[in-house]
Amino acid sequence: MNTLLALGIALPAIFLTSLLSGVVGMAGGLILIVVLVVLMPVPSAMILHGIVQGVANGSRFWFLRQYVAWRILPWYFVGVLLTTAIFGVLLIVAHAAVVLIAAGGLPWVSQFTPERFKLDVTRPTIALICGIVVTAVQLVAGASGPILDAFYQRTELNRFEIVATKAFTQAIGHAVKIVYFFYIGATLSSDPHVLLSWWVIGLAIVLSFIGTRIGTRILEYVSESLFRRWTNLLVLGLGATVVVGGVIDLISQ
């Protein structure tokens, strides 16, 4: 693909997906990884995605840090550590299509699960499971938005708590992903893709930060009811799209 065309697609996508995630706390990462995979080799896409999304989530957390539901995090990060240790030892590489089908399907499973079995991340056991599942998906598919969102849709947390808490956990997750891909050898080649040039990475970080800042400002003007209604619809719609993409990818193999 032409270099200017690739930049013309990637940089606006980075800004817009960061803005989207700043408002609803999700979706941007999954959309961005799809765009980057089209533009560059998968390992390079994963690394750039991790850098950009790490900055976006980290800055979103910082802007909303007073709202983080810290009580969720101890059990969540136990799950993160367990999964990271297993992947580090076994160097697990799952088929991306299967992971996409699972990631996209989980929000629908959560939507129609009986109330007593709902995925409520504020429960310690569910937070542990969330850490395990989300980290596993992130390490093999790059983005874990649809799965992560499924654990928050049935909580009593308000929109600020949801966005802030997910931002913090996702920032850590992207850092783990970057380290993991370097660890398994998915590093920059001697002739790196243009989108991994340092000046492009720097510009991408700036755009991600600005998009996130604007998004979190917009969040202040979104009502709780509107946030709940449209977030749920977006999660389900995105989940269905991801499932279809995964199925097509699996069939085409």
Protein backbone atom coordinates (compact mmCIF):
# COMPACT_ATOMS: atom_id res chain seq x y z
CA MET A 1 0.00 0.00 0.00
CA ASN A 2 1.19 3.53 -0.79
CA THR A 3 2.94 5.11 2.20
CA LEU A 4 0.97 8.36 2.12
CA LEU A 5 -2.29 6.45 1.79
CA ALA A 6 -1.38 4.24 4.75
CA LEU A 7 -0.57 7.30 6.86
CA GLY A 8 -3.72 9.04 5.66
CA ILE A 9 -5.79 6.11 6.93
CA ALA A 10 -3.89 5.19 10.09
CA LEU A 11 -3.45 8.60 11.71
CA PRO A 12 -7.11 9.75 11.47
CA ALA A 13 -8.15 6.27 12.64
CA ILE A 14 -5.94 6.61 15.70
CA PHE A 15 -7.48 9.97 16.58
CA LEU A 16 -11.10 8.93 15.96
CA THR A 17 -10.87 5.60 17.78
CA SER A 18 -9.24 7.30 20.78
CA LEU A 19 -12.05 9.86 20.80
CA LEU A 20 -14.66 7.08 20.63
CA SER A 21 -13.08 5.18 23.50
CA GLY A 22 -12.87 8.39 25.52
CA VAL A 23 -16.63 8.77 25.30
CA VAL A 24 -17.83 5.20 25.79
CA GLY A 25 -14.71 3.55 27.21
CA MET A 26 -14.57 0.87 24.53
CA ALA A 27 -14.84 -0.09 20.84
CA GLY A 28 -11.98 2.12 19.65
CA GLY A 29 -9.30 -0.47 20.30
CA LEU A 30 -11.02 -3.22 18.36
CA ILE A 31 -11.73 -0.95 15.39
CA LEU A 32 -8.13 0.28 15.38
CA ILE A 33 -6.57 -3.19 15.38
CA VAL A 34 -8.68 -4.12 12.36
CA VAL A 35 -7.46 -1.01 10.52
CA LEU A 36 -3.81 -1.58 11.42
CA VAL A 37 -3.83 -5.25 10.45
CA VAL A 38 -5.00 -4.22 6.97
CA LEU A 39 -2.18 -1.68 6.68
CA MET A 40 0.79 -3.62 8.08
CA PRO A 41 2.03 -7.06 9.21
CA VAL A 42 0.19 -8.45 12.23
CA PRO A 43 3.15 -8.40 14.69
CA SER A 44 3.95 -4.79 13.82
CA ALA A 45 0.26 -3.91 14.05
CA MET A 46 0.07 -5.43 17.52
CA ILE A 47 3.05 -3.42 18.74
CA LEU A 48 1.82 -0.10 17.31
CA HIS A 49 -1.69 -0.83 18.57
CA GLY A 50 -0.31 -1.54 22.04
CA ILE A 51 1.63 1.74 22.11
CA VAL A 52 -1.28 3.86 20.88
CA GLN A 53 -3.94 2.20 22.99
CA GLY A 54 -1.66 2.15 26.01
CA VAL A 55 -1.34 5.94 25.77
CA ALA A 56 -5.06 6.39 25.07
CA ASN A 57 -6.11 4.25 28.01
CA GLY A 58 -3.41 5.58 30.29
CA SER A 59 -4.37 9.20 29.64
CA ARG A 60 -8.08 8.37 29.94
CA PHE A 61 -7.38 6.80 33.32
CA TRP A 62 -5.41 9.88 34.40
CA PHE A 63 -8.17 12.28 33.39
CA LEU A 64 -10.76 10.21 35.31
CA ARG A 65 -8.54 8.70 38.01
CA GLN A 66 -10.78 9.82 40.87
CA TYR A 67 -13.52 7.52 39.57
CA VAL A 68 -11.56 4.25 39.39
CA ALA A 69 -13.28 1.39 41.26
CA TRP A 70 -10.08 0.24 42.98
CA ARG A 71 -11.83 -2.60 44.82
CA ILE A 72 -12.06 -4.54 41.57
CA LEU A 73 -8.36 -4.42 40.74
CA PRO A 74 -6.66 -6.84 43.19
CA TRP A 75 -8.59 -9.88 41.96
CA TYR A 76 -8.44 -8.68 38.36
CA PHE A 77 -4.66 -8.44 38.39
CA VAL A 78 -4.31 -11.87 39.98
CA GLY A 79 -6.00 -13.10 36.80
CA VAL A 80 -3.66 -10.99 34.65
CA LEU A 81 -0.56 -12.44 36.35
CA LEU A 82 -1.79 -16.03 36.07
CA THR A 83 -2.51 -15.71 32.35
CA THR A 84 0.71 -13.85 31.58
CA ALA A 85 2.75 -16.51 33.39
CA ILE A 86 1.08 -19.31 31.42
CA PHE A 87 1.55 -17.54 28.09
CA GLY A 88 5.16 -16.71 28.94
CA VAL A 89 5.97 -20.35 29.63
CA LEU A 90 3.98 -21.99 26.83
CA LEU A 91 4.14 -19.20 24.21
CA ILE A 92 0.51 -19.87 23.31
CA VAL A 93 -0.62 -18.66 19.91
CA ALA A 94 -4.31 -19.29 19.21
CA HIS A 95 -6.06 -18.87 15.89
CA ALA A 96 -7.26 -15.27 15.72
CA ALA A 97 -10.54 -16.22 14.03
CA VAL A 98 -11.56 -18.46 16.93
CA VAL A 99 -10.69 -15.74 19.43
CA LEU A 100 -12.72 -13.17 17.49
CA ILE A 101 -15.76 -15.44 17.50
CA ALA A 102 -15.46 -15.92 21.26
CA ALA A 103 -14.85 -12.22 21.90
CA GLY A 104 -17.78 -11.10 19.79
CA GLY A 105 -20.10 -13.77 21.13
CA LEU A 106 -19.55 -13.18 24.83
CA PRO A 107 -21.51 -9.89 25.01
CA TRP A 108 -24.51 -11.72 23.52
CA VAL A 109 -24.10 -14.59 25.97
CA SER A 110 -23.96 -12.08 28.82
CA GLN A 111 -27.03 -10.25 27.52
CA PHE A 112 -29.24 -13.33 27.71
CA THR A 113 -27.76 -15.01 30.78
CA PRO A 114 -30.13 -15.31 33.80
CA GLU A 115 -29.64 -12.48 36.29
CA ARG A 116 -28.10 -14.69 38.97
CA PHE A 117 -25.35 -15.68 36.53
CA LYS A 118 -24.58 -12.21 35.15
CA LEU A 119 -20.97 -11.21 34.59
CA ASP A 120 -20.61 -8.51 37.26
CA VAL A 121 -16.93 -7.54 37.56
CA THR A 122 -17.49 -6.05 41.03
CA ARG A 123 -17.75 -9.62 42.36
CA PRO A 124 -14.27 -10.93 43.31
CA THR A 125 -14.60 -14.26 41.49
CA ILE A 126 -15.88 -12.57 38.34
CA ALA A 127 -13.06 -9.99 38.54
CA LEU A 128 -10.55 -12.86 38.64
CA ILE A 129 -12.17 -14.54 35.65
CA CYS A 130 -12.26 -11.18 33.84
CA GLY A 131 -8.52 -10.72 34.34
CA ILE A 132 -7.78 -14.21 33.00
CA VAL A 133 -10.08 -14.05 29.99
CA VAL A 134 -9.37 -10.45 28.94
CA THR A 135 -5.59 -10.91 29.16
CA ALA A 136 -5.70 -14.14 27.16
CA VAL A 137 -7.75 -12.53 24.40
CA GLN A 138 -5.55 -9.44 24.34
CA LEU A 139 -2.40 -11.49 23.94
CA VAL A 140 -3.73 -13.47 20.99
CA ALA A 141 -6.04 -11.01 19.27
CA GLY A 142 -4.65 -7.61 20.23
CA ALA A 143 -7.98 -6.12 21.35
CA SER A 144 -10.32 -7.38 24.03
CA GLY A 145 -13.00 -4.68 24.12
CA PRO A 146 -16.12 -6.80 23.52
CA ILE A 147 -15.12 -9.31 26.20
CA LEU A 148 -14.13 -6.65 28.74
CA ASP A 149 -17.37 -4.74 28.18
CA ALA A 150 -19.43 -7.84 28.90
CA PHE A 151 -18.13 -7.83 32.48
CA TYR A 152 -19.27 -4.22 33.06
CA GLN A 153 -22.69 -4.10 31.45
CA ARG A 154 -24.47 -5.57 34.49
CA THR A 155 -22.68 -3.67 37.25
CA GLU A 156 -23.97 -0.81 39.41
CA LEU A 157 -20.99 1.36 38.45
CA ASN A 158 -21.75 4.72 36.86
CA ARG A 159 -20.40 5.79 33.46
CA PHE A 160 -17.35 7.55 34.90
CA GLU A 161 -16.40 4.56 37.07
CA ILE A 162 -16.80 2.19 34.13
CA VAL A 163 -14.69 4.25 31.72
CA ALA A 164 -11.98 5.02 34.29
CA THR A 165 -11.64 1.48 35.63
CA LYS A 166 -11.56 -0.12 32.20
CA ALA A 167 -8.99 2.45 31.07
CA PHE A 168 -6.63 1.55 33.90
CA THR A 169 -6.87 -2.20 33.36
CA GLN A 170 -6.56 -1.85 29.59
CA ALA A 171 -3.47 0.37 29.88
CA ILE A 172 -1.76 -2.37 31.88
CA GLY A 173 -3.02 -4.97 29.41
CA HIS A 174 -1.52 -3.18 26.43
CA ALA A 175 1.81 -2.87 28.22
CA VAL A 176 1.75 -6.61 28.82
CA LYS A 177 0.91 -7.17 25.15
CA ILE A 178 3.86 -5.09 23.93
CA VAL A 179 6.29 -6.95 26.19
CA TYR A 180 4.78 -10.30 25.16
CA PHE A 181 5.16 -9.65 21.44
CA PHE A 182 8.75 -8.57 21.87
CA TYR A 183 9.31 -11.63 24.04
CA ILE A 184 8.10 -14.07 21.37
CA GLY A 185 10.21 -12.42 18.73
CA ALA A 186 7.64 -10.16 17.04
CA THR A 187 10.07 -7.25 17.04
CA LEU A 188 10.91 -4.62 14.46
CA SER A 189 12.68 -6.04 11.43
CA SER A 190 15.82 -4.52 9.89
CA ASP A 191 13.52 -2.83 7.41
CA PRO A 192 10.61 -1.76 9.62
CA HIS A 193 7.24 -0.75 8.27
CA VAL A 194 6.85 3.00 7.76
CA LEU A 195 4.05 3.11 10.35
CA LEU A 196 6.57 2.00 12.97
CA SER A 197 8.94 4.89 12.31
CA TRP A 198 9.61 6.84 15.48
CA TRP A 199 8.16 10.09 14.13
CA VAL A 200 4.95 8.28 13.17
CA ILE A 201 4.74 6.68 16.60
CA GLY A 202 5.25 10.09 18.21
CA LEU A 203 2.52 11.67 16.09
CA ALA A 204 0.23 8.73 16.81
CA ILE A 205 0.75 9.18 20.56
CA VAL A 206 -0.10 12.90 20.33
CA LEU A 207 -3.25 12.19 18.29
CA SER A 208 -4.27 9.46 20.71
CA PHE A 209 -3.84 11.80 23.67
CA ILE A 210 -5.82 14.62 22.03
CA GLY A 211 -8.61 12.29 20.93
CA THR A 212 -8.85 10.84 24.41
CA ARG A 213 -8.98 14.27 26.03
CA ILE A 214 -11.78 15.43 23.74
CA GLY A 215 -13.66 12.18 24.30
CA THR A 216 -13.55 12.40 28.08
CA ARG A 217 -14.81 15.99 27.87
CA ILE A 218 -17.74 14.85 25.71
CA LEU A 219 -18.50 12.16 28.32
CA GLU A 220 -19.41 14.91 30.79
CA TYR A 221 -22.35 15.89 28.59
CA VAL A 222 -23.68 12.36 28.07
CA SER A 223 -26.51 11.35 30.43
CA GLU A 224 -26.34 8.12 32.42
CA SER A 225 -29.38 6.64 30.66
CA LEU A 226 -28.07 7.53 27.22
CA PHE A 227 -24.66 6.10 28.07
CA ARG A 228 -26.17 2.80 29.23
CA ARG A 229 -28.52 2.45 26.27
CA TRP A 230 -26.10 3.28 23.47
CA THR A 231 -23.13 1.53 25.05
CA ASN A 232 -25.11 -1.70 25.25
CA LEU A 233 -26.26 -1.40 21.64
CA LEU A 234 -22.75 -0.60 20.48
CA VAL A 235 -21.32 -3.58 22.37
CA LEU A 236 -23.85 -5.97 20.83
CA GLY A 237 -23.49 -4.53 17.33
CA LEU A 238 -19.71 -4.62 17.49
CA GLY A 239 -19.82 -8.13 18.94
CA ALA A 240 -21.97 -9.38 16.06
CA THR A 241 -19.65 -7.76 13.52
CA VAL A 242 -16.59 -9.35 15.10
CA VAL A 243 -18.24 -12.78 15.10
CA VAL A 244 -19.08 -12.48 11.42
CA GLY A 245 -15.51 -11.41 10.66
CA GLY A 246 -14.13 -14.31 12.65
CA VAL A 247 -16.37 -16.82 10.88
CA ILE A 248 -15.39 -15.46 7.46
CA ASP A 249 -11.71 -15.62 8.41
CA LEU A 250 -12.11 -19.20 9.67
CA ILE A 251 -13.93 -20.34 6.53
CA SER A 252 -11.38 -18.70 4.24
CA GLN A 253 -8.48 -20.64 5.76
